[in-house]
């Protein structure tokens, strides 16, 4: 590899990294939007509070590392899913979010 192609390769790698982070941030925003569906009046207050906390303190908190944000959000969501007071029709929503978080976490850890 000559110098010119090395520089071009490095620039493309950096651009790919920026594009990948933008994609990750977009997907995080989408997950946060779906998590907001748990702010429904049919959902018990303690579950709404946990969902809000998972979103604000973990998922959207850019002061923490990405893998910690995703992992802790997934953990909080698992607690919500296992809560006996969760209305049954919100269970599949929690599982879909959980799957998206785990997929994103694997993707982030592989990069």
N, C-alpha and C. Protein backbone atom coordinates (compact mmCIF):
# COMPACT_ATOMS: atom_id res chain seq x y z
N UNK A 1 0.86 -1.17 0.00
CA UNK A 1 0.00 0.00 0.00
C UNK A 1 0.91 1.23 0.00
N UNK A 2 0.68 2.11 -0.97
CA UNK A 2 1.48 3.34 -1.01
C UNK A 2 0.88 4.38 -0.08
N UNK A 3 1.58 5.50 0.08
CA UNK A 3 1.17 6.54 1.01
C UNK A 3 -0.20 7.13 0.64
N UNK A 4 -0.40 7.38 -0.65
CA UNK A 4 -1.65 7.98 -1.08
C UNK A 4 -2.84 7.08 -0.75
N UNK A 5 -2.74 5.80 -1.04
CA UNK A 5 -3.86 4.90 -0.76
C UNK A 5 -4.05 4.71 0.75
N UNK A 6 -2.97 4.79 1.52
CA UNK A 6 -3.07 4.70 2.98
C UNK A 6 -3.85 5.89 3.53
N UNK A 7 -3.59 7.07 3.00
CA UNK A 7 -4.30 8.28 3.45
C UNK A 7 -5.77 8.19 3.07
N UNK A 8 -6.06 7.77 1.85
CA UNK A 8 -7.44 7.63 1.41
C UNK A 8 -8.15 6.59 2.26
N UNK A 9 -7.46 5.47 2.55
CA UNK A 9 -8.06 4.42 3.37
C UNK A 9 -8.37 4.95 4.77
N UNK A 10 -7.45 5.72 5.33
CA UNK A 10 -7.66 6.28 6.67
C UNK A 10 -8.85 7.25 6.67
N UNK A 11 -8.94 8.09 5.63
CA UNK A 11 -10.05 9.03 5.56
C UNK A 11 -11.37 8.29 5.45
N UNK A 12 -11.40 7.26 4.62
CA UNK A 12 -12.63 6.48 4.46
C UNK A 12 -13.01 5.77 5.77
N UNK A 13 -12.00 5.30 6.50
CA UNK A 13 -12.27 4.65 7.77
C UNK A 13 -12.86 5.64 8.76
N UNK A 14 -12.30 6.85 8.80
CA UNK A 14 -12.80 7.88 9.71
C UNK A 14 -14.22 8.27 9.33
N UNK A 15 -14.48 8.43 8.05
CA UNK A 15 -15.82 8.78 7.60
C UNK A 15 -16.80 7.67 7.94
N UNK A 16 -16.37 6.43 7.77
CA UNK A 16 -17.22 5.29 8.11
C UNK A 16 -17.54 5.26 9.59
N UNK A 17 -16.55 5.61 10.42
CA UNK A 17 -16.76 5.65 11.87
C UNK A 17 -17.78 6.72 12.24
N UNK A 18 -17.66 7.90 11.61
CA UNK A 18 -18.60 8.98 11.88
C UNK A 18 -20.00 8.58 11.43
N UNK A 19 -20.10 7.97 10.25
CA UNK A 19 -21.40 7.53 9.75
C UNK A 19 -21.99 6.46 10.66
N UNK A 20 -21.14 5.54 11.15
CA UNK A 20 -21.61 4.49 12.04
C UNK A 20 -22.13 5.08 13.34
N UNK A 21 -21.45 6.08 13.89
CA UNK A 21 -21.89 6.71 15.12
C UNK A 21 -23.20 7.46 14.91
N UNK A 22 -23.34 8.11 13.75
CA UNK A 22 -24.60 8.80 13.46
C UNK A 22 -25.73 7.79 13.38
N UNK A 23 -25.46 6.63 12.77
CA UNK A 23 -26.46 5.58 12.67
C UNK A 23 -26.82 5.07 14.06
N UNK A 24 -25.83 4.86 14.91
CA UNK A 24 -26.06 4.39 16.27
C UNK A 24 -26.89 5.41 17.04
N UNK A 25 -26.53 6.68 16.93
CA UNK A 25 -27.28 7.73 17.63
C UNK A 25 -28.71 7.83 17.13
N UNK A 26 -28.91 7.65 15.83
CA UNK A 26 -30.26 7.67 15.27
C UNK A 26 -31.07 6.51 15.83
N UNK A 27 -30.46 5.33 15.89
CA UNK A 27 -31.16 4.16 16.42
C UNK A 27 -31.46 4.32 17.91
N UNK A 28 -30.55 4.94 18.65
CA UNK A 28 -30.80 5.19 20.07
C UNK A 28 -31.99 6.13 20.24
N UNK A 29 -32.06 7.16 19.41
CA UNK A 29 -33.21 8.08 19.47
C UNK A 29 -34.51 7.35 19.15
N UNK A 30 -34.46 6.43 18.18
CA UNK A 30 -35.65 5.65 17.83
C UNK A 30 -36.08 4.76 18.99
N UNK A 31 -35.10 4.13 19.66
CA UNK A 31 -35.41 3.29 20.80
C UNK A 31 -36.02 4.12 21.93
N UNK A 32 -35.45 5.32 22.16
CA UNK A 32 -35.98 6.22 23.19
C UNK A 32 -37.42 6.60 22.88
N UNK A 33 -37.71 6.84 21.62
CA UNK A 33 -39.06 7.20 21.21
C UNK A 33 -40.03 6.04 21.48
N UNK A 34 -39.60 4.83 21.19
CA UNK A 34 -40.46 3.67 21.44
C UNK A 34 -40.63 3.46 22.95
N UNK A 35 -39.56 3.69 23.72
CA UNK A 35 -39.66 3.55 25.18
C UNK A 35 -40.68 4.53 25.77
N UNK A 36 -40.86 5.66 25.11
CA UNK A 36 -41.84 6.64 25.59
C UNK A 36 -43.26 6.09 25.56
N UNK A 37 -43.49 5.04 24.81
CA UNK A 37 -44.82 4.43 24.78
C UNK A 37 -45.21 3.85 26.13
N UNK A 38 -44.21 3.59 26.98
CA UNK A 38 -44.49 3.09 28.32
C UNK A 38 -44.98 4.19 29.26
N UNK A 39 -45.02 5.42 28.78
CA UNK A 39 -45.52 6.54 29.58
C UNK A 39 -47.04 6.66 29.44
N UNK A 40 -47.68 5.56 29.22
CA UNK A 40 -49.12 5.48 29.06
C UNK A 40 -49.80 5.42 30.42
N UNK A 41 -50.99 5.98 30.54
CA UNK A 41 -51.71 5.99 31.81
C UNK A 41 -52.14 4.58 32.25
N UNK A 42 -52.14 3.62 31.34
CA UNK A 42 -52.47 2.24 31.70
C UNK A 42 -51.31 1.54 32.40
N UNK A 43 -50.12 2.12 32.29
CA UNK A 43 -48.93 1.53 32.89
C UNK A 43 -48.79 2.08 34.32
N UNK A 44 -48.54 1.21 35.29
CA UNK A 44 -48.38 1.68 36.67
C UNK A 44 -47.26 2.73 36.80
N UNK A 45 -47.44 3.60 37.75
CA UNK A 45 -46.53 4.73 37.95
C UNK A 45 -45.07 4.28 38.16
N UNK A 46 -44.86 3.21 38.94
CA UNK A 46 -43.49 2.77 39.20
C UNK A 46 -42.80 2.29 37.92
N UNK A 47 -43.56 1.69 37.02
CA UNK A 47 -42.98 1.22 35.75
C UNK A 47 -42.70 2.41 34.84
N UNK A 48 -43.60 3.38 34.82
CA UNK A 48 -43.36 4.59 34.02
C UNK A 48 -42.10 5.30 34.52
N UNK A 49 -41.95 5.36 35.83
CA UNK A 49 -40.77 6.01 36.42
C UNK A 49 -39.50 5.26 36.02
N UNK A 50 -39.53 3.94 36.08
CA UNK A 50 -38.36 3.13 35.70
C UNK A 50 -38.01 3.30 34.23
N UNK A 51 -39.03 3.36 33.38
CA UNK A 51 -38.80 3.54 31.94
C UNK A 51 -38.20 4.91 31.66
N UNK A 52 -38.72 5.93 32.34
CA UNK A 52 -38.20 7.29 32.17
C UNK A 52 -36.75 7.36 32.64
N UNK A 53 -36.47 6.72 33.78
CA UNK A 53 -35.11 6.68 34.32
C UNK A 53 -34.16 5.96 33.37
N UNK A 54 -34.61 4.84 32.82
CA UNK A 54 -33.77 4.09 31.88
C UNK A 54 -33.43 4.94 30.66
N UNK A 55 -34.39 5.74 30.22
CA UNK A 55 -34.16 6.59 29.05
C UNK A 55 -33.25 7.77 29.36
N UNK A 56 -33.58 8.52 30.41
CA UNK A 56 -32.83 9.75 30.67
C UNK A 56 -31.48 9.52 31.33
N UNK A 57 -31.45 8.62 32.33
CA UNK A 57 -30.20 8.42 33.07
C UNK A 57 -29.22 7.49 32.37
N UNK A 58 -29.71 6.65 31.48
CA UNK A 58 -28.82 5.69 30.84
C UNK A 58 -28.78 5.83 29.32
N UNK A 59 -29.87 5.59 28.66
CA UNK A 59 -29.86 5.53 27.19
C UNK A 59 -29.41 6.83 26.54
N UNK A 60 -29.92 7.96 27.00
CA UNK A 60 -29.60 9.24 26.37
C UNK A 60 -28.49 10.02 27.08
N UNK A 61 -27.88 9.43 28.09
CA UNK A 61 -26.83 10.09 28.85
C UNK A 61 -25.48 9.93 28.13
N UNK A 62 -25.08 10.96 27.42
CA UNK A 62 -23.86 10.88 26.61
C UNK A 62 -22.58 11.00 27.44
N UNK A 63 -22.70 11.21 28.75
CA UNK A 63 -21.53 11.26 29.63
C UNK A 63 -20.98 9.87 29.92
N UNK A 64 -21.76 8.86 29.64
CA UNK A 64 -21.36 7.47 29.91
C UNK A 64 -20.95 6.79 28.61
N UNK A 65 -20.14 5.73 28.75
CA UNK A 65 -19.73 4.96 27.58
C UNK A 65 -20.93 4.31 26.91
N UNK A 66 -20.85 4.16 25.60
CA UNK A 66 -21.97 3.64 24.82
C UNK A 66 -22.39 2.24 25.29
N UNK A 67 -21.43 1.35 25.52
CA UNK A 67 -21.81 -0.01 25.92
C UNK A 67 -22.46 -0.04 27.30
N UNK A 68 -22.03 0.86 28.20
CA UNK A 68 -22.66 0.95 29.52
C UNK A 68 -24.08 1.48 29.38
N UNK A 69 -24.26 2.49 28.53
CA UNK A 69 -25.60 3.05 28.31
C UNK A 69 -26.56 1.98 27.81
N UNK A 70 -26.13 1.24 26.81
CA UNK A 70 -27.01 0.23 26.22
C UNK A 70 -27.25 -0.93 27.18
N UNK A 71 -26.20 -1.37 27.86
CA UNK A 71 -26.32 -2.48 28.78
C UNK A 71 -27.23 -2.17 29.97
N UNK A 72 -27.05 -0.99 30.55
CA UNK A 72 -27.88 -0.61 31.70
C UNK A 72 -29.33 -0.38 31.29
N UNK A 73 -29.54 0.17 30.12
CA UNK A 73 -30.92 0.35 29.63
C UNK A 73 -31.57 -1.02 29.44
N UNK A 74 -30.83 -1.96 28.87
CA UNK A 74 -31.36 -3.31 28.69
C UNK A 74 -31.67 -3.96 30.04
N UNK A 75 -30.81 -3.74 31.02
CA UNK A 75 -31.03 -4.28 32.36
C UNK A 75 -32.28 -3.70 33.00
N UNK A 76 -32.44 -2.39 32.90
CA UNK A 76 -33.64 -1.74 33.45
C UNK A 76 -34.90 -2.24 32.75
N UNK A 77 -34.80 -2.43 31.45
CA UNK A 77 -35.95 -2.91 30.69
C UNK A 77 -36.30 -4.35 31.09
N UNK A 78 -35.30 -5.14 31.40
CA UNK A 78 -35.54 -6.50 31.86
C UNK A 78 -36.29 -6.48 33.19
N UNK A 79 -35.92 -5.56 34.08
CA UNK A 79 -36.63 -5.41 35.35
C UNK A 79 -38.10 -5.03 35.11
N UNK A 80 -38.30 -4.12 34.16
CA UNK A 80 -39.66 -3.69 33.83
C UNK A 80 -40.47 -4.87 33.28
N UNK A 81 -39.86 -5.63 32.38
CA UNK A 81 -40.56 -6.76 31.77
C UNK A 81 -40.96 -7.80 32.81
N UNK A 82 -40.11 -8.00 33.81
CA UNK A 82 -40.38 -9.00 34.83
C UNK A 82 -41.29 -8.50 35.95
N UNK A 83 -41.68 -7.24 35.91
CA UNK A 83 -42.60 -6.70 36.90
C UNK A 83 -44.00 -7.27 36.67
N UNK A 84 -44.56 -7.84 37.71
CA UNK A 84 -45.88 -8.48 37.59
C UNK A 84 -46.99 -7.48 37.25
N UNK A 85 -46.75 -6.21 37.51
CA UNK A 85 -47.77 -5.19 37.26
C UNK A 85 -47.77 -4.64 35.84
N UNK A 86 -46.82 -5.08 35.02
CA UNK A 86 -46.77 -4.60 33.64
C UNK A 86 -47.99 -5.14 32.88
N UNK A 87 -48.79 -4.25 32.30
CA UNK A 87 -49.93 -4.74 31.49
C UNK A 87 -49.44 -5.67 30.39
N UNK A 88 -50.19 -6.73 30.18
CA UNK A 88 -49.75 -7.80 29.29
C UNK A 88 -49.49 -7.32 27.86
N UNK A 89 -50.22 -6.34 27.39
CA UNK A 89 -50.03 -5.89 26.01
C UNK A 89 -48.77 -5.02 25.84
N UNK A 90 -48.08 -4.68 26.94
CA UNK A 90 -46.81 -3.96 26.84
C UNK A 90 -45.62 -4.91 26.87
N UNK A 91 -45.86 -6.18 27.17
CA UNK A 91 -44.77 -7.17 27.20
C UNK A 91 -44.04 -7.31 25.87
N UNK A 92 -44.78 -7.51 24.76
CA UNK A 92 -44.10 -7.62 23.47
C UNK A 92 -43.29 -6.36 23.11
N UNK A 93 -43.78 -5.20 23.49
CA UNK A 93 -43.05 -3.95 23.24
C UNK A 93 -41.71 -3.98 23.97
N UNK A 94 -41.73 -4.41 25.22
CA UNK A 94 -40.49 -4.50 25.99
C UNK A 94 -39.51 -5.48 25.34
N UNK A 95 -40.02 -6.61 24.86
CA UNK A 95 -39.15 -7.59 24.22
C UNK A 95 -38.56 -7.06 22.92
N UNK A 96 -39.35 -6.31 22.17
CA UNK A 96 -38.84 -5.71 20.92
C UNK A 96 -37.73 -4.70 21.22
N UNK A 97 -37.94 -3.88 22.23
CA UNK A 97 -36.92 -2.90 22.60
C UNK A 97 -35.67 -3.61 23.09
N UNK A 98 -35.86 -4.64 23.90
CA UNK A 98 -34.74 -5.42 24.43
C UNK A 98 -33.92 -6.02 23.29
N UNK A 99 -34.58 -6.57 22.31
CA UNK A 99 -33.89 -7.15 21.16
C UNK A 99 -33.10 -6.10 20.40
N UNK A 100 -33.70 -4.92 20.19
CA UNK A 100 -33.01 -3.83 19.49
C UNK A 100 -31.80 -3.36 20.27
N UNK A 101 -31.93 -3.27 21.60
CA UNK A 101 -30.79 -2.85 22.43
C UNK A 101 -29.66 -3.86 22.38
N UNK A 102 -29.99 -5.14 22.48
CA UNK A 102 -28.96 -6.18 22.44
C UNK A 102 -28.25 -6.22 21.09
N UNK A 103 -29.01 -6.04 20.03
CA UNK A 103 -28.43 -6.00 18.68
C UNK A 103 -27.48 -4.81 18.54
N UNK A 104 -27.91 -3.68 19.01
CA UNK A 104 -27.08 -2.48 18.94
C UNK A 104 -25.85 -2.62 19.81
N UNK A 105 -25.99 -3.22 20.97
CA UNK A 105 -24.85 -3.44 21.86
C UNK A 105 -23.81 -4.35 21.21
N UNK A 106 -24.25 -5.43 20.57
CA UNK A 106 -23.32 -6.31 19.86
C UNK A 106 -22.59 -5.57 18.75
N UNK A 107 -23.34 -4.73 18.04
CA UNK A 107 -22.75 -3.95 16.95
C UNK A 107 -21.70 -2.97 17.47
N UNK A 108 -22.00 -2.30 18.57
CA UNK A 108 -21.08 -1.32 19.15
C UNK A 108 -19.83 -2.03 19.67
N UNK A 109 -20.00 -3.19 20.30
CA UNK A 109 -18.87 -3.91 20.86
C UNK A 109 -17.98 -4.49 19.78
N UNK A 110 -18.54 -4.79 18.61
CA UNK A 110 -17.72 -5.35 17.53
C UNK A 110 -16.90 -4.27 16.82
N UNK A 111 -17.28 -3.01 16.97
CA UNK A 111 -16.52 -1.92 16.34
C UNK A 111 -15.48 -1.45 17.26
